[in-house]
Amino acid sequence: MNYVYIVECRDGTLYTGWTVDVAKRLDQHNRGNGAKYTRSRHPVTLRYFEAHDAKADALKRECAIKKLTRTQKMILCMSNEHPGP
């Protein structure tokens, strides 16, 4: 399974990514070993995730989410208020 996720960084910014293991990726972000963007902004909190069977679908969705405004991303996050990996 492939997952697209949104995390909220310590400074309140949002980061969108994809992974095959949400819990492991969240841990990487929080240890400072995740994406370059989150390295100086951890800890991060998982706000949203969704599953996709195909990696290509997850990557397309990640790209689409990254094009959303912050407000649109926050609405998306609220639709999945208490996510858990």
PDB file of N, CA and C in Angstrom:
ATOM      1  N   MET A   1       0.840  -1.170   0.000  1.00  0.00           N
ATOM      2  CA  MET A   1       0.000   0.000   0.000  1.00  0.00           C
ATOM      3  C   MET A   1       0.893   1.243   0.000  1.00  0.00           C
ATOM      4  N   ASN A   2       0.452   2.268  -0.672  1.00  0.00           N
ATOM      5  CA  ASN A   2       1.162   3.543  -0.751  1.00  0.00           C
ATOM      6  C   ASN A   2       0.304   4.622  -0.124  1.00  0.00           C
ATOM      7  N   TYR A   3       0.918   5.521   0.599  1.00  0.00           N
ATOM      8  CA  TYR A   3       0.172   6.533   1.335  1.00  0.00           C
ATOM      9  C   TYR A   3       0.644   7.936   0.985  1.00  0.00           C
ATOM     10  N   VAL A   4      -0.310   8.843   0.901  1.00  0.00           N
ATOM     11  CA  VAL A   4      -0.036  10.270   0.799  1.00  0.00           C
ATOM     12  C   VAL A   4      -0.397  10.841   2.159  1.00  0.00           C
ATOM     13  N   TYR A   5       0.434  11.736   2.669  1.00  0.00           N
ATOM     14  CA  TYR A   5       0.179  12.258   4.006  1.00  0.00           C
ATOM     15  C   TYR A   5       0.476  13.753   4.071  1.00  0.00           C
ATOM     16  N   ILE A   6      -0.113  14.387   5.061  1.00  0.00           N
ATOM     17  CA  ILE A   6       0.181  15.784   5.373  1.00  0.00           C
ATOM     18  C   ILE A   6       0.561  15.829   6.847  1.00  0.00           C
ATOM     19  N   VAL A   7       1.678  16.486   7.131  1.00  0.00           N
ATOM     20  CA  VAL A   7       2.076  16.714   8.513  1.00  0.00           C
ATOM     21  C   VAL A   7       2.105  18.220   8.757  1.00  0.00           C
ATOM     22  N   GLU A   8       1.834  18.573  10.004  1.00  0.00           N
ATOM     23  CA  GLU A   8       1.970  19.970  10.414  1.00  0.00           C
ATOM     24  C   GLU A   8       3.285  20.091  11.169  1.00  0.00           C
ATOM     25  N   CYS A   9       4.104  21.030  10.750  1.00  0.00           N
ATOM     26  CA  CYS A   9       5.406  21.243  11.378  1.00  0.00           C
ATOM     27  C   CYS A   9       5.275  22.116  12.618  1.00  0.00           C
ATOM     28  N   ARG A  10       6.328  22.135  13.401  1.00  0.00           N
ATOM     29  CA  ARG A  10       6.369  22.915  14.639  1.00  0.00           C
ATOM     30  C   ARG A  10       6.012  24.383  14.391  1.00  0.00           C
ATOM     31  N   ASP A  11       6.403  24.924  13.243  1.00  0.00           N
ATOM     32  CA  ASP A  11       6.139  26.332  12.939  1.00  0.00           C
ATOM     33  C   ASP A  11       4.763  26.562  12.320  1.00  0.00           C
ATOM     34  N   GLY A  12       3.940  25.507  12.260  1.00  0.00           N
ATOM     35  CA  GLY A  12       2.578  25.630  11.745  1.00  0.00           C
ATOM     36  C   GLY A  12       2.443  25.431  10.247  1.00  0.00           C
ATOM     37  N   THR A  13       3.559  25.239   9.549  1.00  0.00           N
ATOM     38  CA  THR A  13       3.485  24.990   8.116  1.00  0.00           C
ATOM     39  C   THR A  13       3.096  23.538   7.861  1.00  0.00           C
ATOM     40  N   LEU A  14       2.634  23.283   6.654  1.00  0.00           N
ATOM     41  CA  LEU A  14       2.210  21.942   6.266  1.00  0.00           C
ATOM     42  C   LEU A  14       3.185  21.361   5.256  1.00  0.00           C
ATOM     43  N   TYR A  15       3.451  20.064   5.389  1.00  0.00           N
ATOM     44  CA  TYR A  15       4.306  19.344   4.453  1.00  0.00           C
ATOM     45  C   TYR A  15       3.533  18.138   3.949  1.00  0.00           C
ATOM     46  N   THR A  16       3.564  17.926   2.648  1.00  0.00           N
ATOM     47  CA  THR A  16       2.889  16.785   2.020  1.00  0.00           C
ATOM     48  C   THR A  16       3.930  15.855   1.422  1.00  0.00           C
ATOM     49  N   GLY A  17       3.744  14.553   1.632  1.00  0.00           N
ATOM     50  CA  GLY A  17       4.663  13.574   1.081  1.00  0.00           C
ATOM     51  C   GLY A  17       3.956  12.253   0.822  1.00  0.00           C
ATOM     52  N   TRP A  18       4.721  11.256   0.422  1.00  0.00           N
ATOM     53  CA  TRP A  18       4.173   9.911   0.205  1.00  0.00           C
ATOM     54  C   TRP A  18       5.142   8.900   0.832  1.00  0.00           C
ATOM     55  N   THR A  19       4.611   7.745   1.163  1.00  0.00           N
ATOM     56  CA  THR A  19       5.416   6.696   1.785  1.00  0.00           C
ATOM     57  C   THR A  19       4.693   5.358   1.678  1.00  0.00           C
ATOM     58  N   VAL A  20       5.383   4.302   2.022  1.00  0.00           N
ATOM     59  CA  VAL A  20       4.747   2.988   2.119  1.00  0.00           C
ATOM     60  C   VAL A  20       4.503   2.620   3.577  1.00  0.00           C
ATOM     61  N   ASP A  21       5.053   3.420   4.505  1.00  0.00           N
ATOM     62  CA  ASP A  21       4.902   3.159   5.940  1.00  0.00           C
ATOM     63  C   ASP A  21       4.774   4.504   6.669  1.00  0.00           C
ATOM     64  N   VAL A  22       3.555   4.895   6.981  1.00  0.00           N
ATOM     65  CA  VAL A  22       3.290   6.204   7.577  1.00  0.00           C
ATOM     66  C   VAL A  22       3.986   6.360   8.931  1.00  0.00           C
ATOM     67  N   ALA A  23       3.874   5.371   9.798  1.00  0.00           N
ATOM     68  CA  ALA A  23       4.475   5.470  11.130  1.00  0.00           C
ATOM     69  C   ALA A  23       5.992   5.629  11.050  1.00  0.00           C
ATOM     70  N   LYS A  24       6.626   4.848  10.194  1.00  0.00           N
ATOM     71  CA  LYS A  24       8.081   4.928  10.036  1.00  0.00           C
ATOM     72  C   LYS A  24       8.488   6.290   9.481  1.00  0.00           C
ATOM     73  N   ARG A  25       7.743   6.777   8.516  1.00  0.00           N
ATOM     74  CA  ARG A  25       8.064   8.070   7.900  1.00  0.00           C
ATOM     75  C   ARG A  25       7.875   9.212   8.895  1.00  0.00           C
ATOM     76  N   LEU A  26       6.825   9.136   9.690  1.00  0.00           N
ATOM     77  CA  LEU A  26       6.584  10.148  10.714  1.00  0.00           C
ATOM     78  C   LEU A  26       7.748  10.161  11.715  1.00  0.00           C
ATOM     79  N   ASP A  27       8.204   8.984  12.096  1.00  0.00           N
ATOM     80  CA  ASP A  27       9.351   8.872  13.001  1.00  0.00           C
ATOM     81  C   ASP A  27      10.600   9.484  12.373  1.00  0.00           C
ATOM     82  N   GLN A  28      10.814   9.237  11.095  1.00  0.00           N
ATOM     83  CA  GLN A  28      11.969   9.815  10.402  1.00  0.00           C
ATOM     84  C   GLN A  28      11.901  11.343  10.432  1.00  0.00           C
ATOM     85  N   HIS A  29      10.728  11.886  10.136  1.00  0.00           N
ATOM     86  CA  HIS A  29      10.568  13.346  10.174  1.00  0.00           C
ATOM     87  C   HIS A  29      10.882  13.880  11.577  1.00  0.00           C
ATOM     88  N   ASN A  30      10.394  13.201  12.591  1.00  0.00           N
ATOM     89  CA  ASN A  30      10.574  13.680  13.960  1.00  0.00           C
ATOM     90  C   ASN A  30      11.990  13.497  14.497  1.00  0.00           C
ATOM     91  N   ARG A  31      12.771  12.619  13.883  1.00  0.00           N
ATOM     92  CA  ARG A  31      14.174  12.459  14.278  1.00  0.00           C
ATOM     93  C   ARG A  31      15.084  13.380  13.478  1.00  0.00           C
ATOM     94  N   GLY A  32      14.503  14.134  12.531  1.00  0.00           N
ATOM     95  CA  GLY A  32      15.297  15.029  11.702  1.00  0.00           C
ATOM     96  C   GLY A  32      15.916  14.343  10.504  1.00  0.00           C
ATOM     97  N   ASN A  33      15.455  13.110  10.218  1.00  0.00           N
ATOM     98  CA  ASN A  33      15.979  12.345   9.082  1.00  0.00           C
ATOM     99  C   ASN A  33      15.011  12.284   7.919  1.00  0.00           C
ATOM    100  N   GLY A  34      13.949  13.061   7.985  1.00  0.00           N
ATOM    101  CA  GLY A  34      12.939  13.047   6.922  1.00  0.00           C
ATOM    102  C   GLY A  34      13.332  13.991   5.807  1.00  0.00           C
ATOM    103  N   ALA A  35      12.357  14.622   5.237  1.00  0.00           N
ATOM    104  CA  ALA A  35      12.587  15.557   4.139  1.00  0.00           C
ATOM    105  C   ALA A  35      13.392  16.769   4.610  1.00  0.00           C
ATOM    106  N   LYS A  36      14.132  17.356   3.705  1.00  0.00           N
ATOM    107  CA  LYS A  36      14.934  18.532   4.025  1.00  0.00           C
ATOM    108  C   LYS A  36      14.061  19.631   4.637  1.00  0.00           C
ATOM    109  N   TYR A  37      12.848  19.786   4.120  1.00  0.00           N
ATOM    110  CA  TYR A  37      11.945  20.827   4.613  1.00  0.00           C
ATOM    111  C   TYR A  37      11.627  20.652   6.093  1.00  0.00           C
ATOM    112  N   THR A  38      11.427  19.420   6.540  1.00  0.00           N
ATOM    113  CA  THR A  38      11.002  19.193   7.923  1.00  0.00           C
ATOM    114  C   THR A  38      12.169  19.082   8.908  1.00  0.00           C
ATOM    115  N   ARG A  39      13.377  18.990   8.426  1.00  0.00           N
ATOM    116  CA  ARG A  39      14.539  18.790   9.318  1.00  0.00           C
ATOM    117  C   ARG A  39      14.671  19.873  10.377  1.00  0.00           C
ATOM    118  N   SER A  40      14.425  21.112   9.987  1.00  0.00           N
ATOM    119  CA  SER A  40      14.547  22.214  10.945  1.00  0.00           C
ATOM    120  C   SER A  40      13.200  22.602  11.539  1.00  0.00           C
ATOM    121  N   ARG A  41      12.149  21.862  11.184  1.00  0.00           N
ATOM    122  CA  ARG A  41      10.804  22.208  11.632  1.00  0.00           C
ATOM    123  C   ARG A  41      10.147  21.105  12.461  1.00  0.00           C
ATOM    124  N   HIS A  42      10.920  20.126  12.922  1.00  0.00           N
ATOM    125  CA  HIS A  42      10.320  19.057  13.708  1.00  0.00           C
ATOM    126  C   HIS A  42      10.222  19.491  15.158  1.00  0.00           C
ATOM    127  N   PRO A  43       9.344  18.948  15.951  1.00  0.00           N
ATOM    128  CA  PRO A  43       8.531  17.769  15.625  1.00  0.00           C
ATOM    129  C   PRO A  43       7.370  18.120  14.689  1.00  0.00           C
ATOM    130  N   VAL A  44       6.919  17.084  13.999  1.00  0.00           N
ATOM    131  CA  VAL A  44       5.764  17.216  13.115  1.00  0.00           C
ATOM    132  C   VAL A  44       4.627  16.362  13.667  1.00  0.00           C
ATOM    133  N   THR A  45       3.418  16.736  13.288  1.00  0.00           N
ATOM    134  CA  THR A  45       2.226  16.006  13.714  1.00  0.00           C
ATOM    135  C   THR A  45       1.460  15.560  12.481  1.00  0.00           C
ATOM    136  N   LEU A  46       1.104  14.298  12.430  1.00  0.00           N
ATOM    137  CA  LEU A  46       0.328  13.781  11.309  1.00  0.00           C
ATOM    138  C   LEU A  46      -1.060  14.392  11.338  1.00  0.00           C
ATOM    139  N   ARG A  47      -1.473  15.004  10.228  1.00  0.00           N
ATOM    140  CA  ARG A  47      -2.791  15.628  10.132  1.00  0.00           C
ATOM    141  C   ARG A  47      -3.717  14.912   9.155  1.00  0.00           C
ATOM    142  N   TYR A  48      -3.136  14.196   8.182  1.00  0.00           N
ATOM    143  CA  TYR A  48      -3.969  13.566   7.152  1.00  0.00           C
ATOM    144  C   TYR A  48      -3.169  12.481   6.452  1.00  0.00           C
ATOM    145  N   PHE A  49      -3.860  11.410   6.069  1.00  0.00           N
ATOM    146  CA  PHE A  49      -3.254  10.441   5.157  1.00  0.00           C
ATOM    147  C   PHE A  49      -4.341   9.697   4.414  1.00  0.00           C
ATOM    148  N   GLU A  50      -3.986   9.183   3.262  1.00  0.00           N
ATOM    149  CA  GLU A  50      -4.899   8.369   2.461  1.00  0.00           C
ATOM    150  C   GLU A  50      -4.095   7.278   1.769  1.00  0.00           C
ATOM    151  N   ALA A  51      -4.733   6.147   1.540  1.00  0.00           N
ATOM    152  CA  ALA A  51      -4.068   4.980   0.953  1.00  0.00           C
ATOM    153  C   ALA A  51      -4.372   4.856  -0.532  1.00  0.00           C
ATOM    154  N   HIS A  52      -3.381   4.358  -1.261  1.00  0.00           N
ATOM    155  CA  HIS A  52      -3.504   4.092  -2.694  1.00  0.00           C
ATOM    156  C   HIS A  52      -2.842   2.757  -2.995  1.00  0.00           C
ATOM    157  N   ASP A  53      -3.475   1.976  -3.844  1.00  0.00           N
ATOM    158  CA  ASP A  53      -2.897   0.684  -4.213  1.00  0.00           C
ATOM    159  C   ASP A  53      -1.623   0.848  -5.034  1.00  0.00           C
ATOM    160  N   ALA A  54      -1.641   1.767  -5.968  1.00  0.00           N
ATOM    161  CA  ALA A  54      -0.507   1.946  -6.875  1.00  0.00           C
ATOM    162  C   ALA A  54       0.337   3.151  -6.492  1.00  0.00           C
ATOM    163  N   LYS A  55       1.646   3.000  -6.575  1.00  0.00           N
ATOM    164  CA  LYS A  55       2.564   4.095  -6.272  1.00  0.00           C
ATOM    165  C   LYS A  55       2.290   5.290  -7.180  1.00  0.00           C
ATOM    166  N   ALA A  56       2.033   5.015  -8.451  1.00  0.00           N
ATOM    167  CA  ALA A  56       1.771   6.100  -9.404  1.00  0.00           C
ATOM    168  C   ALA A  56       0.570   6.938  -8.975  1.00  0.00           C
ATOM    169  N   ASP A  57      -0.459   6.281  -8.460  1.00  0.00           N
ATOM    170  CA  ASP A  57      -1.645   7.011  -7.994  1.00  0.00           C
ATOM    171  C   ASP A  57      -1.309   7.883  -6.786  1.00  0.00           C
ATOM    172  N   ALA A  58      -0.505   7.355  -5.877  1.00  0.00           N
ATOM    173  CA  ALA A  58      -0.104   8.119  -4.697  1.00  0.00           C
ATOM    174  C   ALA A  58       0.723   9.336  -5.099  1.00  0.00           C
ATOM    175  N   LEU A  59       1.620   9.165  -6.048  1.00  0.00           N
ATOM    176  CA  LEU A  59       2.451  10.281  -6.493  1.00  0.00           C
ATOM    177  C   LEU A  59       1.627  11.354  -7.193  1.00  0.00           C
ATOM    178  N   LYS A  60       0.650  10.940  -7.985  1.00  0.00           N
ATOM    179  CA  LYS A  60      -0.241  11.904  -8.638  1.00  0.00           C
ATOM    180  C   LYS A  60      -1.043  12.682  -7.607  1.00  0.00           C
ATOM    181  N   ARG A  61      -1.533  11.978  -6.598  1.00  0.00           N
ATOM    182  CA  ARG A  61      -2.322  12.625  -5.551  1.00  0.00           C
ATOM    183  C   ARG A  61      -1.446  13.570  -4.734  1.00  0.00           C
ATOM    184  N   GLU A  62      -0.221  13.159  -4.435  1.00  0.00           N
ATOM    185  CA  GLU A  62       0.704  14.035  -3.709  1.00  0.00           C
ATOM    186  C   GLU A  62       0.895  15.342  -4.477  1.00  0.00           C
ATOM    187  N   CYS A  63       1.105  15.235  -5.763  1.00  0.00           N
ATOM    188  CA  CYS A  63       1.294  16.410  -6.613  1.00  0.00           C
ATOM    189  C   CYS A  63       0.050  17.299  -6.584  1.00  0.00           C
ATOM    190  N   ALA A  64      -1.125  16.681  -6.665  1.00  0.00           N
ATOM    191  CA  ALA A  64      -2.380  17.438  -6.644  1.00  0.00           C
ATOM    192  C   ALA A  64      -2.574  18.162  -5.313  1.00  0.00           C
ATOM    193  N   ILE A  65      -2.258  17.491  -4.211  1.00  0.00           N
ATOM    194  CA  ILE A  65      -2.405  18.110  -2.889  1.00  0.00           C
ATOM    195  C   ILE A  65      -1.433  19.273  -2.739  1.00  0.00           C
ATOM    196  N   LYS A  66      -0.218  19.128  -3.237  1.00  0.00           N
ATOM    197  CA  LYS A  66       0.769  20.195  -3.129  1.00  0.00           C
ATOM    198  C   LYS A  66       0.325  21.459  -3.866  1.00  0.00           C
ATOM    199  N   LYS A  67      -0.546  21.312  -4.837  1.00  0.00           N
ATOM    200  CA  LYS A  67      -1.044  22.464  -5.587  1.00  0.00           C
ATOM    201  C   LYS A  67      -2.203  23.175  -4.885  1.00  0.00           C
ATOM    202  N   LEU A  68      -2.745  22.554  -3.843  1.00  0.00           N
ATOM    203  CA  LEU A  68      -3.850  23.162  -3.109  1.00  0.00           C
ATOM    204  C   LEU A  68      -3.358  24.343  -2.277  1.00  0.00           C
ATOM    205  N   THR A  69      -4.263  25.234  -1.966  1.00  0.00           N
ATOM    206  CA  THR A  69      -3.931  26.322  -1.054  1.00  0.00           C
ATOM    207  C   THR A  69      -3.861  25.774   0.365  1.00  0.00           C
ATOM    208  N   ARG A  70      -3.298  26.557   1.267  1.00  0.00           N
ATOM    209  CA  ARG A  70      -3.238  26.136   2.660  1.00  0.00           C
ATOM    210  C   ARG A  70      -4.641  25.893   3.207  1.00  0.00           C
ATOM    211  N   THR A  71      -5.573  26.783   2.871  1.00  0.00           N
ATOM    212  CA  THR A  71      -6.957  26.634   3.338  1.00  0.00           C
ATOM    213  C   THR A  71      -7.549  25.324   2.839  1.00  0.00           C
ATOM    214  N   GLN A  72      -7.341  24.992   1.588  1.00  0.00           N
ATOM    215  CA  GLN A  72      -7.853  23.746   1.035  1.00  0.00           C
ATOM    216  C   GLN A  72      -7.217  22.541   1.719  1.00  0.00           C
ATOM    217  N   LYS A  73      -5.930  22.632   2.025  1.00  0.00           N
ATOM    218  CA  LYS A  73      -5.258  21.536   2.727  1.00  0.00           C
ATOM    219  C   LYS A  73      -5.813  21.369   4.138  1.00  0.00           C
ATOM    220  N   MET A  74      -6.087  22.483   4.811  1.00  0.00           N
ATOM    221  CA  MET A  74      -6.643  22.416   6.163  1.00  0.00           C
ATOM    222  C   MET A  74      -8.040  21.787   6.144  1.00  0.00           C
ATOM    223  N   ILE A  75      -8.824  22.098   5.149  1.00  0.00           N
ATOM    224  CA  ILE A  75     -10.149  21.479   5.005  1.00  0.00           C
ATOM    225  C   ILE A  75      -9.992  19.978   4.805  1.00  0.00           C
ATOM    226  N   LEU A  76      -9.044  19.589   3.986  1.00  0.00           N
ATOM    227  CA  LEU A  76      -8.762  18.177   3.759  1.00  0.00           C
ATOM    228  C   LEU A  76      -8.353  17.501   5.075  1.00  0.00           C
ATOM    229  N   CYS A  77      -7.515  18.162   5.836  1.00  0.00           N
ATOM    230  CA  CYS A  77      -7.066  17.611   7.124  1.00  0.00           C
ATOM    231  C   CYS A  77      -8.237  17.455   8.090  1.00  0.00           C
ATOM    232  N   MET A  78      -9.145  18.408   8.099  1.00  0.00           N
ATOM    233  CA  MET A  78     -10.296  18.336   8.999  1.00  0.00           C
ATOM    234  C   MET A  78     -11.236  17.196   8.629  1.00  0.00           C
ATOM    235  N   SER A  79     -11.202  16.763   7.380  1.00  0.00           N
ATOM    236  CA  SER A  79     -12.045  15.641   6.956  1.00  0.00           C
ATOM    237  C   SER A  79     -11.525  14.323   7.520  1.00  0.00           C
ATOM    238  N   ASN A  80     -10.325  14.349   8.067  1.00  0.00           N
ATOM    239  CA  ASN A  80      -9.641  13.168   8.598  1.00  0.00           C
ATOM    240  C   ASN A  80      -9.051  13.564   9.951  1.00  0.00           C
ATOM    241  N   GLU A  81      -9.920  14.076  10.835  1.00  0.00           N
ATOM    242  CA  GLU A  81      -9.524  14.762  12.062  1.00  0.00           C
ATOM    243  C   GLU A  81      -8.578  13.989  12.976  1.00  0.00           C
ATOM    244  N   HIS A  82      -8.750  12.709  13.122  1.00  0.00           N
ATOM    245  CA  HIS A  82      -7.906  11.950  14.053  1.00  0.00           C
ATOM    246  C   HIS A  82      -7.224  10.797  13.331  1.00  0.00           C
ATOM    247  N   PRO A  83      -6.263  11.124  12.440  1.00  0.00           N
ATOM    248  CA  PRO A  83      -5.610  10.046  11.697  1.00  0.00           C
ATOM    249  C   PRO A  83      -4.671   9.243  12.578  1.00  0.00           C
ATOM    250  N   GLY A  84      -4.434   8.056  12.176  1.00  0.00           N
ATOM    251  CA  GLY A  84      -3.464   7.191  12.842  1.00  0.00           C
ATOM    252  C   GLY A  84      -2.887   6.243  11.822  1.00  0.00           C
ATOM    253  N   PRO A  85      -1.582   6.055  11.866  1.00  0.00           N
ATOM    254  CA  PRO A  85      -0.957   5.184  10.847  1.00  0.00           C
ATOM    255  C   PRO A  85      -1.378   3.738  10.981  1.00  0.00           C
TER     256      PRO A  85
END
